[in-house]
C-alpha atoms as a PDB file:
ATOM      1  CA  MET A   1      60.547 -49.029  16.804  1.00  0.00           C
ATOM      2  CA  PRO A   2      59.415 -47.939  13.341  1.00  0.00           C
ATOM      3  CA  GLY A   3      62.074 -47.469  10.707  1.00  0.00           C
ATOM      4  CA  THR A   4      64.582 -49.775  12.376  1.00  0.00           C
ATOM      5  CA  ASN A   5      65.244 -53.192  10.962  1.00  0.00           C
ATOM      6  CA  THR A   6      65.672 -56.177  13.222  1.00  0.00           C
ATOM      7  CA  ALA A   7      66.515 -59.752  12.320  1.00  0.00           C
ATOM      8  CA  GLU A   8      62.829 -60.731  12.324  1.00  0.00           C
ATOM      9  CA  GLU A   9      61.757 -57.909   9.977  1.00  0.00           C
ATOM     10  CA  GLU A  10      62.022 -59.041   6.376  1.00  0.00           C
ATOM     11  CA  HIS A  11      61.482 -56.458   3.667  1.00  0.00           C
ATOM     12  CA  PRO A  12      61.368 -57.082  -0.067  1.00  0.00           C
ATOM     13  CA  PRO A  13      64.507 -55.915  -1.890  1.00  0.00           C
ATOM     14  CA  VAL A  14      62.513 -53.228  -3.732  1.00  0.00           C
ATOM     15  CA  ARG A  15      59.744 -51.185  -2.164  1.00  0.00           C
ATOM     16  CA  ILE A  16      57.622 -48.467  -3.750  1.00  0.00           C
ATOM     17  CA  GLY A  17      56.028 -45.592  -1.902  1.00  0.00           C
ATOM     18  CA  ALA A  18      54.033 -42.441  -2.401  1.00  0.00           C
ATOM     19  CA  LEU A  19      54.203 -39.378  -0.166  1.00  0.00           C
ATOM     20  CA  VAL A  20      52.350 -36.082   0.091  1.00  0.00           C
ATOM     21  CA  GLY A  21      53.359 -33.304   2.381  1.00  0.00           C
ATOM     22  CA  ILE A  22      53.632 -29.736   3.473  1.00  0.00           C
ATOM     23  CA  GLY A  23      56.805 -27.748   3.781  1.00  0.00           C
ATOM     24  CA  ALA A  24      59.002 -24.892   2.715  1.00  0.00           C
ATOM     25  CA  PRO A  25      60.051 -23.270   0.463  1.00  0.00           C
ATOM     26  CA  ARG A  26      57.154 -24.705  -1.536  1.00  0.00           C
ATOM     27  CA  SER A  27      54.250 -25.642   0.659  1.00  0.00           C
ATOM     28  CA  VAL A  28      52.720 -28.595  -1.218  1.00  0.00           C
ATOM     29  CA  THR A  29      54.734 -31.712  -2.151  1.00  0.00           C
ATOM     30  CA  ALA A  30      53.983 -35.040  -3.851  1.00  0.00           C
ATOM     31  CA  GLU A  31      56.561 -37.793  -4.367  1.00  0.00           C
ATOM     32  CA  VAL A  32      56.842 -41.343  -5.689  1.00  0.00           C
ATOM     33  CA  TYR A  33      59.953 -43.295  -4.728  1.00  0.00           C
ATOM     34  CA  PHE A  34      61.621 -46.702  -4.905  1.00  0.00           C
ATOM     35  CA  LYS A  35      63.625 -48.012  -1.953  1.00  0.00           C
ATOM     36  CA  PHE A  36      66.290 -50.668  -2.596  1.00  0.00           C
ATOM     37  CA  PHE A  37      67.487 -53.098   0.094  1.00  0.00           C
ATOM     38  CA  ASP A  38      66.618 -50.562   2.852  1.00  0.00           C
ATOM     39  CA  VAL A  39      69.814 -48.695   1.913  1.00  0.00           C
ATOM     40  CA  ILE A  40      68.999 -46.265  -0.909  1.00  0.00           C
ATOM     41  CA  SER A  41      65.911 -44.705  -2.446  1.00  0.00           C
ATOM     42  CA  ILE A  42      65.370 -42.720  -5.625  1.00  0.00           C
ATOM     43  CA  GLY A  43      62.258 -40.950  -6.758  1.00  0.00           C
ATOM     44  CA  GLY A  44      60.542 -38.031  -8.385  1.00  0.00           C
ATOM     45  CA  GLU A  45      58.869 -35.115  -6.649  1.00  0.00           C
ATOM     46  CA  TYR A  46      56.626 -32.188  -7.587  1.00  0.00           C
ATOM     47  CA  THR A  47      56.317 -29.152  -5.317  1.00  0.00           C
ATOM     48  CA  TYR A  48      54.072 -26.092  -5.511  1.00  0.00           C
ATOM     49  CA  LEU A  49      53.996 -22.693  -3.805  1.00  0.00           C
ATOM     50  CA  PRO A  50      50.549 -21.075  -3.919  1.00  0.00           C
ATOM     51  CA  LYS A  51      50.110 -17.298  -3.918  1.00  0.00           C
ATOM     52  CA  PHE A  52      49.016 -16.981  -0.284  1.00  0.00           C
ATOM     53  CA  VAL A  53      52.216 -18.705   0.913  1.00  0.00           C
ATOM     54  CA  GLY A  54      54.230 -16.597  -1.520  1.00  0.00           C
ATOM     55  CA  ASP A  55      52.787 -13.521   0.224  1.00  0.00           C
ATOM     56  CA  TRP A  56      54.156 -14.813   3.570  1.00  0.00           C
ATOM     57  CA  ILE A  57      57.617 -15.261   2.013  1.00  0.00           C
ATOM     58  CA  LEU A  58      57.516 -11.735   0.590  1.00  0.00           C
ATOM     59  CA  ARG A  59      56.644 -10.400   4.051  1.00  0.00           C
ATOM     60  CA  ALA A  60      59.501 -12.378   5.620  1.00  0.00           C
ATOM     61  CA  TYR A  61      61.967 -10.757   3.173  1.00  0.00           C
ATOM     62  CA  ASN A  62      60.346  -7.290   3.572  1.00  0.00           C
ATOM     63  CA  LEU A  63      59.283  -7.327  -0.095  1.00  0.00           C
ATOM     64  CA  TYR A  64      55.514  -7.470   0.346  1.00  0.00           C
ATOM     65  CA  ASP A  65      53.467  -5.167  -1.838  1.00  0.00           C
ATOM     66  CA  PRO A  66      49.718  -5.752  -2.349  1.00  0.00           C
ATOM     67  CA  SER A  67      50.184  -5.334  -6.115  1.00  0.00           C
ATOM     68  CA  LEU A  68      52.843  -8.114  -6.249  1.00  0.00           C
ATOM     69  CA  SER A  69      52.330 -11.858  -6.026  1.00  0.00           C
ATOM     70  CA  VAL A  70      54.588 -14.856  -6.423  1.00  0.00           C
ATOM     71  CA  THR A  71      53.942 -18.518  -7.198  1.00  0.00           C
ATOM     72  CA  SER A  72      56.430 -21.293  -7.786  1.00  0.00           C
ATOM     73  CA  TYR A  73      56.705 -24.973  -8.643  1.00  0.00           C
ATOM     74  CA  SER A  74      59.500 -27.489  -9.125  1.00  0.00           C
ATOM     75  CA  TRP A  75      60.199 -30.929 -10.552  1.00  0.00           C
ATOM     76  CA  GLU A  76      62.866 -32.825  -8.633  1.00  0.00           C
ATOM     77  CA  LEU A  77      64.803 -36.093  -8.594  1.00  0.00           C
ATOM     78  CA  THR A  78      65.279 -37.395  -5.052  1.00  0.00           C
ATOM     79  CA  LEU A  79      68.048 -39.504  -3.555  1.00  0.00           C
ATOM     80  CA  ARG A  80      68.179 -40.822   0.004  1.00  0.00           C
ATOM     81  CA  ILE A  81      70.911 -42.930   1.608  1.00  0.00           C
ATOM     82  CA  TYR A  82      69.962 -44.794   4.813  1.00  0.00           C
ATOM     83  CA  PRO A  83      73.344 -45.416   6.517  1.00  0.00           C
ATOM     84  CA  THR A  84      71.786 -47.368   9.412  1.00  0.00           C
ATOM     85  CA  ARG A  85      69.217 -49.145   7.196  1.00  0.00           C
ATOM     86  CA  GLY A  86      66.580 -47.505   9.401  1.00  0.00           C
ATOM     87  CA  ALA A  87      64.546 -44.313   9.209  1.00  0.00           C
ATOM     88  CA  PHE A  88      67.462 -41.858   9.319  1.00  0.00           C
ATOM     89  CA  PHE A  89      68.700 -40.655   5.922  1.00  0.00           C
ATOM     90  CA  LEU A  90      71.076 -38.295   4.201  1.00  0.00           C
ATOM     91  CA  GLY A  91      69.816 -37.126   0.850  1.00  0.00           C
ATOM     92  CA  ALA A  92      69.740 -34.611  -1.923  1.00  0.00           C
ATOM     93  CA  ASN A  93      67.267 -33.412  -4.492  1.00  0.00           C
ATOM     94  CA  LEU A  94      68.247 -32.160  -7.919  1.00  0.00           C
ATOM     95  CA  GLY A  95      65.604 -30.109  -9.633  1.00  0.00           C
ATOM     96  CA  ILE A  96      64.452 -27.174 -11.633  1.00  0.00           C
ATOM     97  CA  GLY A  97      62.273 -24.564 -10.015  1.00  0.00           C
ATOM     98  CA  SER A  98      60.088 -22.065 -11.783  1.00  0.00           C
ATOM     99  CA  VAL A  99      59.128 -18.769 -10.143  1.00  0.00           C
ATOM    100  CA  ASP A 100      56.478 -16.407 -11.482  1.00  0.00           C
ATOM    101  CA  ALA A 101      56.249 -12.924  -9.973  1.00  0.00           C
ATOM    102  CA  VAL A 102      53.290 -10.830 -11.123  1.00  0.00           C
ATOM    103  CA  LEU A 103      52.756  -7.103 -10.765  1.00  0.00           C
ATOM    104  CA  MET A 104      49.089  -6.194 -11.109  1.00  0.00           C
ATOM    105  CA  GLY A 105      48.814  -2.665 -12.457  1.00  0.00           C
ATOM    106  CA  SER A 106      45.956  -0.348 -13.252  1.00  0.00           C
ATOM    107  CA  THR A 107      46.613  -0.478 -17.010  1.00  0.00           C
ATOM    108  CA  GLN A 108      48.520  -3.732 -17.529  1.00  0.00           C
ATOM    109  CA  ASN A 109      50.086  -6.590 -15.617  1.00  0.00           C
ATOM    110  CA  ALA A 110      53.774  -7.411 -15.763  1.00  0.00           C
ATOM    111  CA  THR A 111      55.503 -10.709 -15.013  1.00  0.00           C
ATOM    112  CA  ALA A 112      58.990 -11.824 -14.116  1.00  0.00           C
ATOM    113  CA  LYS A 113      59.823 -15.485 -14.654  1.00  0.00           C
ATOM    114  CA  VAL A 114      62.877 -17.427 -13.468  1.00  0.00           C
ATOM    115  CA  ASP A 115      63.591 -21.095 -14.275  1.00  0.00           C
ATOM    116  CA  ALA A 116      66.507 -22.121 -12.072  1.00  0.00           C
ATOM    117  CA  PRO A 117      68.240 -25.471 -11.508  1.00  0.00           C
ATOM    118  CA  PHE A 118      69.109 -26.271  -7.901  1.00  0.00           C
ATOM    119  CA  VAL A 119      70.449 -28.902  -5.542  1.00  0.00           C
ATOM    120  CA  ALA A 120      68.902 -29.425  -2.109  1.00  0.00           C
ATOM    121  CA  PRO A 121      71.008 -31.435   0.373  1.00  0.00           C
ATOM    122  CA  ARG A 122      68.808 -32.840   3.135  1.00  0.00           C
ATOM    123  CA  ILE A 123      68.900 -34.779   6.377  1.00  0.00           C
ATOM    124  CA  GLY A 124      65.866 -36.453   7.876  1.00  0.00           C
ATOM    125  CA  TRP A 125      63.838 -39.472   8.872  1.00  0.00           C
ATOM    126  CA  LEU A 126      61.378 -41.585   6.888  1.00  0.00           C
ATOM    127  CA  TRP A 127      59.549 -44.003   9.164  1.00  0.00           C
ATOM    128  CA  ILE A 128      57.814 -46.930   7.461  1.00  0.00           C
ATOM    129  CA  PHE A 129      55.490 -48.733   9.869  1.00  0.00           C
ATOM    130  CA  GLY A 130      54.567 -52.410   9.524  1.00  0.00           C
ATOM    131  CA  SER A 131      51.182 -51.405   8.082  1.00  0.00           C
ATOM    132  CA  GLY A 132      52.926 -49.476   5.279  1.00  0.00           C
ATOM    133  CA  ILE A 133      51.924 -46.078   6.664  1.00  0.00           C
ATOM    134  CA  THR A 134      54.909 -43.780   6.149  1.00  0.00           C
ATOM    135  CA  LEU A 135      55.818 -40.553   7.970  1.00  0.00           C
ATOM    136  CA  GLY A 136      58.730 -38.314   7.106  1.00  0.00           C
ATOM    137  CA  LEU A 137      60.479 -35.218   8.368  1.00  0.00           C
ATOM    138  CA  ASP A 138      63.480 -33.580   6.709  1.00  0.00           C
ATOM    139  CA  GLY A 139      65.358 -30.321   6.479  1.00  0.00           C
ATOM    140  CA  GLY A 140      68.117 -28.792   4.420  1.00  0.00           C
ATOM    141  CA  ALA A 141      68.743 -25.989   1.947  1.00  0.00           C
ATOM    142  CA  GLN A 142      67.802 -25.302  -1.670  1.00  0.00           C
ATOM    143  CA  ILE A 143      70.924 -23.978  -3.415  1.00  0.00           C
ATOM    144  CA  PRO A 144      70.823 -22.522  -6.950  1.00  0.00           C
ATOM    145  CA  ILE A 145      73.461 -24.121  -9.187  1.00  0.00           C
ATOM    146  CA  ALA A 146      73.284 -21.598 -12.023  1.00  0.00           C
ATOM    147  CA  ASP A 147      72.557 -17.914 -12.495  1.00  0.00           C
ATOM    148  CA  PRO A 148      69.613 -17.894 -14.908  1.00  0.00           C
ATOM    149  CA  ASP A 149      68.194 -14.767 -16.428  1.00  0.00           C
ATOM    150  CA  ILE A 150      64.977 -13.252 -15.208  1.00  0.00           C
ATOM    151  CA  VAL A 151      62.580 -12.863 -18.148  1.00  0.00           C
ATOM    152  CA  PHE A 152      60.295  -9.831 -17.939  1.00  0.00           C
ATOM    153  CA  ASP A 153      57.048  -9.419 -19.856  1.00  0.00           C
ATOM    154  CA  PRO A 154      56.832  -6.696 -21.028  1.00  0.00           C
ATOM    155  CA  PRO A 155      60.625  -6.214 -21.067  1.00  0.00           C
ATOM    156  CA  SER A 156      60.352  -2.574 -19.934  1.00  0.00           C
ATOM    157  CA  PHE A 157      59.449  -3.803 -16.422  1.00  0.00           C
ATOM    158  CA  GLY A 158      62.978  -5.214 -15.966  1.00  0.00           C
ATOM    159  CA  ASN A 159      63.879  -1.837 -14.468  1.00  0.00           C
ATOM    160  CA  TYR A 160      61.060  -1.954 -11.921  1.00  0.00           C
ATOM    161  CA  PRO A 161      62.910  -2.806  -8.651  1.00  0.00           C
ATOM    162  CA  PRO A 162      60.048  -4.413  -6.667  1.00  0.00           C
ATOM    163  CA  LEU A 163      59.277  -6.926  -9.433  1.00  0.00           C
ATOM    164  CA  ARG A 164      62.962  -7.648 -10.091  1.00  0.00           C
ATOM    165  CA  ASN A 165      63.717  -8.045  -6.352  1.00  0.00           C
ATOM    166  CA  VAL A 166      60.842 -10.501  -5.819  1.00  0.00           C
ATOM    167  CA  ALA A 167      61.927 -12.693  -8.750  1.00  0.00           C
ATOM    168  CA  ARG A 168      65.566 -12.595  -7.646  1.00  0.00           C
ATOM    169  CA  THR A 169      64.843 -13.337  -3.966  1.00  0.00           C
ATOM    170  CA  VAL A 170      62.522 -16.288  -4.509  1.00  0.00           C
ATOM    171  CA  GLY A 171      64.111 -17.648  -7.698  1.00  0.00           C
ATOM    172  CA  LYS A 172      67.834 -17.141  -7.218  1.00  0.00           C
ATOM    173  CA  SER A 173      68.506 -17.301  -3.445  1.00  0.00           C
ATOM    174  CA  VAL A 174      69.512 -20.074  -1.079  1.00  0.00           C
ATOM    175  CA  LEU A 175      66.279 -21.045   0.691  1.00  0.00           C
ATOM    176  CA  PRO A 176      65.684 -23.239   3.754  1.00  0.00           C
ATOM    177  CA  VAL A 177      63.952 -26.586   3.175  1.00  0.00           C
ATOM    178  CA  LEU A 178      61.675 -28.175   5.768  1.00  0.00           C
ATOM    179  CA  ASN A 179      59.153 -30.923   4.933  1.00  0.00           C
ATOM    180  CA  PHE A 180      56.650 -33.070   6.778  1.00  0.00           C
ATOM    181  CA  ARG A 181      55.328 -36.011   4.715  1.00  0.00           C
ATOM    182  CA  VAL A 182      52.776 -38.771   5.041  1.00  0.00           C
ATOM    183  CA  GLY A 183      52.185 -41.654   2.676  1.00  0.00           C
ATOM    184  CA  TYR A 184      52.160 -45.364   2.069  1.00  0.00           C
ATOM    185  CA  THR A 185      54.961 -47.783   1.197  1.00  0.00           C
ATOM    186  CA  LEU A 186      54.473 -51.295  -0.136  1.00  0.00           C
END
């Protein structure tokens, strides 16, 4: 079975892998990681939320307005612990996410920007097949660990509730995390 170590499976003490995936709250992910002794892995990850997915999120929170859009990205450090030395892991990401909400007006556009640190505890599976092909599935929650300010440009739009609510909801709320990944591990 993939992801389970038996006596005949010998792995090098350090493995390196690269993953790409789809998920939520940001729909595009890319990660590079190092796995040590089949017990722990650390890595770096970049995630991105394009506008069309941001529109779906706004609809889900009943905040959709055709003149509003939201995009987001994050840089994250990843940690996974494999308690059974197999595919199953408990993990957490520590990162900083950036959210840009844009209001497109008839005379000028306005933006609201939030840069927020977060922690994302996760549980999942990362199967590494004998060929090196790697598949992963994980879920958890993205939890803000600070209360950063929302920066409005121009500042007068800080009193415009739809723009403020979009930036607050996407940038400062607990969000579900669900990822499906594919990649290769040496």
